[in-house]
Protein backbone atom coordinates (compact mmCIF):
# COMPACT_ATOMS: atom_id res chain seq x y z
CA MET A 1 3.79 12.51 -22.33
CA SER A 2 6.65 14.43 -23.95
CA TYR A 3 9.11 13.15 -21.33
CA ILE A 4 7.96 9.56 -21.92
CA VAL A 5 8.35 9.86 -25.71
CA LYS A 6 11.84 11.35 -25.29
CA THR A 7 12.84 8.56 -22.91
CA LEU A 8 11.22 5.73 -24.89
CA PRO A 9 10.98 7.00 -28.50
CA GLN A 10 10.74 3.55 -30.10
CA TYR A 11 7.17 2.84 -28.95
CA ASP A 12 3.79 3.80 -30.43
CA TYR A 13 1.68 6.23 -28.39
CA ILE A 14 -1.92 7.40 -28.22
CA TYR A 15 -2.63 10.57 -26.26
CA LEU A 16 -6.22 11.28 -25.21
CA GLY A 17 -7.15 14.64 -23.71
CA ASP A 18 -10.66 14.87 -22.25
CA THR A 19 -10.77 18.61 -22.85
CA ALA A 20 -14.57 18.78 -23.06
CA ARG A 21 -14.89 17.78 -19.39
CA THR A 22 -11.82 19.22 -17.70
CA PRO A 23 -10.90 20.12 -15.06
CA TYR A 24 -11.42 16.87 -13.15
CA GLY A 25 -10.12 18.41 -9.92
CA THR A 26 -13.48 19.85 -8.87
CA ARG A 27 -15.58 16.78 -9.81
CA SER A 28 -17.01 14.12 -7.50
CA SER A 29 -15.14 10.82 -7.08
CA GLU A 30 -17.86 8.89 -8.92
CA THR A 31 -17.80 11.29 -11.86
CA VAL A 32 -14.02 11.10 -12.08
CA PHE A 33 -14.21 7.30 -12.05
CA ASN A 34 -16.83 7.21 -14.82
CA PHE A 35 -14.91 9.66 -17.02
CA THR A 36 -11.68 7.73 -16.47
CA ARG A 37 -13.33 4.39 -17.23
CA GLN A 38 -14.68 5.76 -20.52
CA ALA A 39 -11.23 7.03 -21.52
CA VAL A 40 -9.57 3.73 -20.60
CA GLU A 41 -12.19 1.79 -22.60
CA PHE A 42 -11.54 3.95 -25.68
CA LEU A 43 -7.77 3.45 -25.45
CA PHE A 44 -8.04 -0.32 -24.96
CA LYS A 45 -10.37 -0.59 -27.95
CA ASN A 46 -7.74 1.25 -29.97
CA GLY A 47 -5.07 -1.31 -29.19
CA CYS A 48 -3.38 -0.03 -26.04
CA TRP A 49 -1.97 -2.59 -23.60
CA LEU A 50 -0.57 -0.14 -21.08
CA ILE A 51 -2.18 3.15 -20.02
CA ILE A 52 -0.68 5.93 -17.90
CA LEU A 53 -3.26 8.15 -16.20
CA ALA A 54 -1.37 11.42 -16.61
CA CYS A 55 -3.94 13.14 -14.39
CA ASN A 56 -3.38 13.28 -10.64
CA THR A 57 -7.09 13.55 -9.90
CA ALA A 58 -7.81 10.41 -11.93
CA SER A 59 -4.82 8.69 -10.31
CA SER A 60 -6.05 9.52 -6.81
CA GLU A 61 -9.81 9.14 -7.30
CA ALA A 62 -10.18 6.39 -9.91
CA LEU A 63 -7.01 4.32 -10.38
CA ARG A 64 -7.57 1.78 -7.61
CA ARG A 65 -11.12 1.02 -8.76
CA ILE A 66 -10.00 0.82 -12.38
CA GLN A 67 -7.30 -1.71 -11.44
CA GLN A 68 -9.31 -3.80 -8.96
CA GLU A 69 -12.78 -3.75 -10.54
CA TYR A 70 -12.66 -2.79 -14.21
CA LEU A 71 -9.45 -4.51 -15.33
CA ALA A 72 -10.13 -7.66 -13.35
CA ARG A 73 -13.52 -8.00 -15.01
CA HIS A 74 -12.80 -6.88 -18.57
CA TYR A 75 -9.05 -6.69 -19.36
CA PRO A 76 -7.12 -8.82 -16.85
CA LYS A 77 -3.94 -8.95 -18.97
CA ARG A 78 -3.70 -5.20 -19.58
CA ARG A 79 -2.37 -2.53 -17.22
CA VAL A 80 -3.31 0.97 -16.05
CA LEU A 81 -0.78 2.95 -14.00
CA GLY A 82 -0.88 6.35 -12.31
CA VAL A 83 1.51 9.22 -11.65
CA ILE A 84 1.20 9.73 -7.89
CA ILE A 85 3.19 6.75 -6.58
CA PRO A 86 6.29 7.45 -8.76
CA ALA A 87 6.31 11.09 -7.59
CA ALA A 88 5.84 10.06 -3.95
CA GLU A 89 8.67 7.52 -4.18
CA GLU A 90 11.05 10.13 -5.59
CA ALA A 91 10.09 12.79 -3.03
CA ALA A 92 10.45 10.36 -0.12
CA LYS A 93 13.88 9.33 -1.40
CA ILE A 94 15.29 12.87 -1.56
CA SER A 95 13.45 14.61 1.30
CA LYS A 96 15.19 14.90 4.65
CA LYS A 97 12.23 16.02 6.69
CA CYS A 98 9.45 18.05 5.10
CA VAL A 99 7.56 17.67 1.79
CA GLY A 100 5.21 20.17 0.20
CA VAL A 101 2.59 19.21 -2.40
CA VAL A 102 0.85 21.54 -4.84
CA ALA A 103 -2.08 19.87 -6.56
CA THR A 104 -5.71 20.19 -7.62
CA GLU A 105 -8.49 20.35 -5.04
CA GLY A 106 -9.51 16.77 -5.80
CA SER A 107 -6.01 15.39 -5.29
CA VAL A 108 -5.54 17.30 -2.05
CA LYS A 109 -8.90 16.22 -0.64
CA SER A 110 -8.23 12.57 -1.48
CA GLY A 111 -5.11 12.58 0.71
CA THR A 112 -3.43 10.14 -1.68
CA PHE A 113 -0.09 11.93 -1.72
CA VAL A 114 0.02 11.94 2.08
CA LYS A 115 -0.88 8.24 2.28
CA GLU A 116 1.72 7.18 -0.27
CA LEU A 117 4.49 9.32 1.23
CA LYS A 118 3.74 8.04 4.75
CA LYS A 119 3.84 4.44 3.52
CA ILE A 120 7.39 4.96 2.32
CA LYS A 121 8.70 7.31 5.03
CA PRO A 122 6.35 7.63 8.04
CA GLU A 123 8.46 10.30 9.75
CA LEU A 124 7.98 12.85 6.96
CA LYS A 125 6.06 16.04 7.60
CA ILE A 126 3.74 16.74 4.66
CA PHE A 127 1.95 19.96 3.78
CA GLN A 128 -0.49 20.23 0.88
CA GLN A 129 -1.72 23.26 -1.02
CA ALA A 130 -4.72 23.14 -3.36
CA CYS A 131 -4.13 25.32 -6.44
CA PRO A 132 -7.45 25.57 -8.33
CA LEU A 133 -6.35 28.51 -10.48
CA LEU A 134 -3.13 27.07 -11.93
CA VAL A 135 -4.67 24.71 -14.50
CA PRO A 136 -6.91 27.44 -15.99
CA ILE A 137 -3.89 29.78 -16.13
CA VAL A 138 -1.77 27.24 -18.03
CA GLU A 139 -4.62 26.30 -20.37
CA ALA A 140 -5.25 29.96 -21.14
CA GLY A 141 -1.57 30.45 -22.00
CA GLU A 142 -1.22 33.05 -19.24
CA GLU A 143 1.61 31.42 -17.28
CA ASN A 144 3.90 34.42 -17.89
CA SER A 145 1.37 37.05 -16.85
CA PRO A 146 1.68 39.24 -13.71
CA ALA A 147 -1.50 37.59 -12.40
CA ALA A 148 0.12 34.15 -12.63
CA GLU A 149 3.09 35.46 -10.65
CA LEU A 150 0.86 36.73 -7.84
CA ILE A 151 -1.24 33.56 -7.73
CA LEU A 152 1.84 31.35 -7.60
CA LYS A 153 3.29 33.38 -4.73
CA ASN A 154 0.00 33.09 -2.87
CA TYR A 155 0.03 29.29 -3.21
CA LEU A 156 3.72 28.74 -2.51
CA PHE A 157 4.31 31.15 0.37
CA PRO A 158 2.48 29.03 3.01
CA LEU A 159 4.63 26.02 2.03
CA ILE A 160 7.84 28.05 2.10
CA LYS A 161 6.94 29.21 5.62
CA LYS A 162 6.74 25.54 6.67
CA ARG A 163 10.39 25.15 5.60
CA ILE A 164 9.79 22.36 3.12
CA ASP A 165 12.90 20.80 1.59
CA THR A 166 11.08 19.05 -1.27
CA LEU A 167 8.11 20.12 -3.41
CA ILE A 168 5.97 17.79 -5.53
CA LEU A 169 4.33 19.35 -8.58
CA GLY A 170 1.18 17.26 -8.19
CA CYS A 171 -0.43 18.07 -11.54
CA THR A 172 0.99 17.47 -15.00
CA HIS A 173 0.04 21.02 -16.02
CA TYR A 174 2.41 22.44 -13.41
CA GLY A 175 5.46 21.29 -15.37
CA VAL A 176 4.94 24.36 -17.57
CA LEU A 177 5.49 26.47 -14.43
CA GLU A 178 8.48 24.50 -13.14
CA GLN A 179 11.14 27.17 -13.68
CA LYS A 180 9.00 29.90 -12.09
CA ILE A 181 8.27 27.65 -9.12
CA LYS A 182 11.95 26.75 -8.67
CA LYS A 183 12.87 30.41 -8.63
CA MET A 184 10.23 31.18 -6.00
CA VAL A 185 10.98 28.32 -3.61
CA GLY A 186 14.76 28.74 -3.86
CA LYS A 187 17.70 26.42 -4.44
CA LYS A 188 17.37 24.68 -1.07
CA VAL A 189 14.05 23.09 -2.13
CA GLU A 190 14.15 20.09 -4.47
CA VAL A 191 11.30 20.20 -7.00
CA VAL A 192 9.83 16.89 -8.19
CA ASN A 193 8.41 17.14 -11.72
CA GLU A 194 6.10 14.16 -12.27
CA GLY A 195 6.64 14.02 -16.02
CA LYS A 196 10.37 13.38 -15.72
CA ILE A 197 9.99 10.86 -12.88
CA VAL A 198 7.17 8.89 -14.55
CA ALA A 199 9.20 8.52 -17.74
CA GLU A 200 12.12 6.92 -15.88
CA LYS A 201 9.80 4.74 -13.77
CA LEU A 202 8.01 3.53 -16.91
CA LYS A 203 11.33 2.53 -18.48
CA ASP A 204 12.09 0.49 -15.37
CA TYR A 205 8.57 -1.00 -15.30
CA LEU A 206 8.85 -2.29 -18.86
CA ALA A 207 12.23 -3.84 -18.11
CA ARG A 208 10.59 -5.75 -15.25
CA HIS A 209 7.46 -6.72 -17.21
CA PRO A 210 8.48 -8.24 -20.57
CA GLU A 211 4.98 -9.74 -20.93
CA ILE A 212 3.65 -6.17 -21.37
CA LYS A 213 6.67 -4.81 -23.22
CA GLN A 214 6.38 -7.39 -26.01
CA LYS A 215 2.77 -6.34 -26.69
CA LEU A 216 3.65 -2.72 -27.42
CA GLY A 217 3.94 -1.38 -30.96
CA LYS A 218 7.43 -0.19 -31.89
CA ASN A 219 7.00 2.06 -34.92
CA SER A 220 7.45 5.44 -33.18
CA LYS A 221 3.91 6.48 -34.17
CA ILE A 222 1.95 9.04 -32.15
CA LYS A 223 -1.77 9.81 -32.37
CA PHE A 224 -3.56 12.62 -30.55
CA TYR A 225 -7.26 12.53 -29.63
CA THR A 226 -9.37 15.09 -27.83
CA THR A 227 -13.01 15.33 -26.76
CA ASP A 228 -13.19 18.99 -27.74
CA LEU A 229 -11.16 20.08 -30.75
CA THR A 230 -10.16 23.70 -30.16
CA ASP A 231 -7.31 26.02 -31.06
CA LYS A 232 -6.48 26.14 -27.34
CA PHE A 233 -5.95 22.37 -27.23
CA ARG A 234 -3.71 22.50 -30.29
CA MET A 235 -1.71 25.33 -28.73
CA LEU A 236 -1.45 23.69 -25.31
CA GLY A 237 -0.69 20.26 -26.74
CA SER A 238 2.05 21.71 -28.92
CA LYS A 239 3.47 23.50 -25.86
CA PHE A 240 3.54 20.32 -23.77
CA PHE A 241 4.84 18.12 -26.59
CA GLY A 242 7.39 20.55 -27.96
CA LYS A 243 6.16 20.55 -31.56
CA LYS A 244 2.98 21.06 -33.55
CA ILE A 245 0.34 18.37 -33.04
CA VAL A 246 -2.63 17.37 -35.22
CA PRO A 247 -5.39 16.03 -32.93
CA GLU A 248 -8.60 14.20 -33.87
CA ARG A 249 -11.89 14.81 -32.06
CA ILE A 250 -13.72 11.82 -30.53
CA ASN A 251 -16.70 11.24 -28.22
CA LEU A 252 -16.46 9.32 -24.97
CA LYS A 253 -19.45 7.50 -23.51
């Protein structure tokens, strides 16, 4: 979200973190859909016209159903977008031959990154690596620990051996680890950070969809909501956003 706010500071934003039920990456598809639907409903009821699912698991497991079933039935004029397609488009554009993907178990199992990359550039070789320990490491504030270094090497080494030329950071949490990852994979590997790409793609989307753009509030207001109000969420949210945040706890159902 921080990249989006920096790129488009004039708009109003609501950030909702479902911290009581994370991580989504190990949940079933039906559970991920139900959790995502509840979050989308809350945001629409609080005046949102456009929602970005800043979760790769939700984008891969729930987005299509949300768009085709839920929106069509309840909010046909509003929009929900994901983060996978923008990242896939960018990776396909810059990759010469071989793309690596680091993501949650749910995103890897869904195969969504592979499908989207192959749609754009069928000749690409794609290698995925599930990284179940990275989200807990980031959320615990341990990204600079020796353990994090060893775990990252363990996840990245198999992809490096495949001689990837592009690496997608397929989870928004991984942006915190971007510099460490770049150092490990080397200068010959282009690293695609979803946050940066999604911000630019959103700017372009709004330019092409004035019917949505005109519905958005333009007072530069930001509200933070969470399903589990903890010091860890305040710390992590402040780290992602770049300044202290004051979240409000809500219940989703």
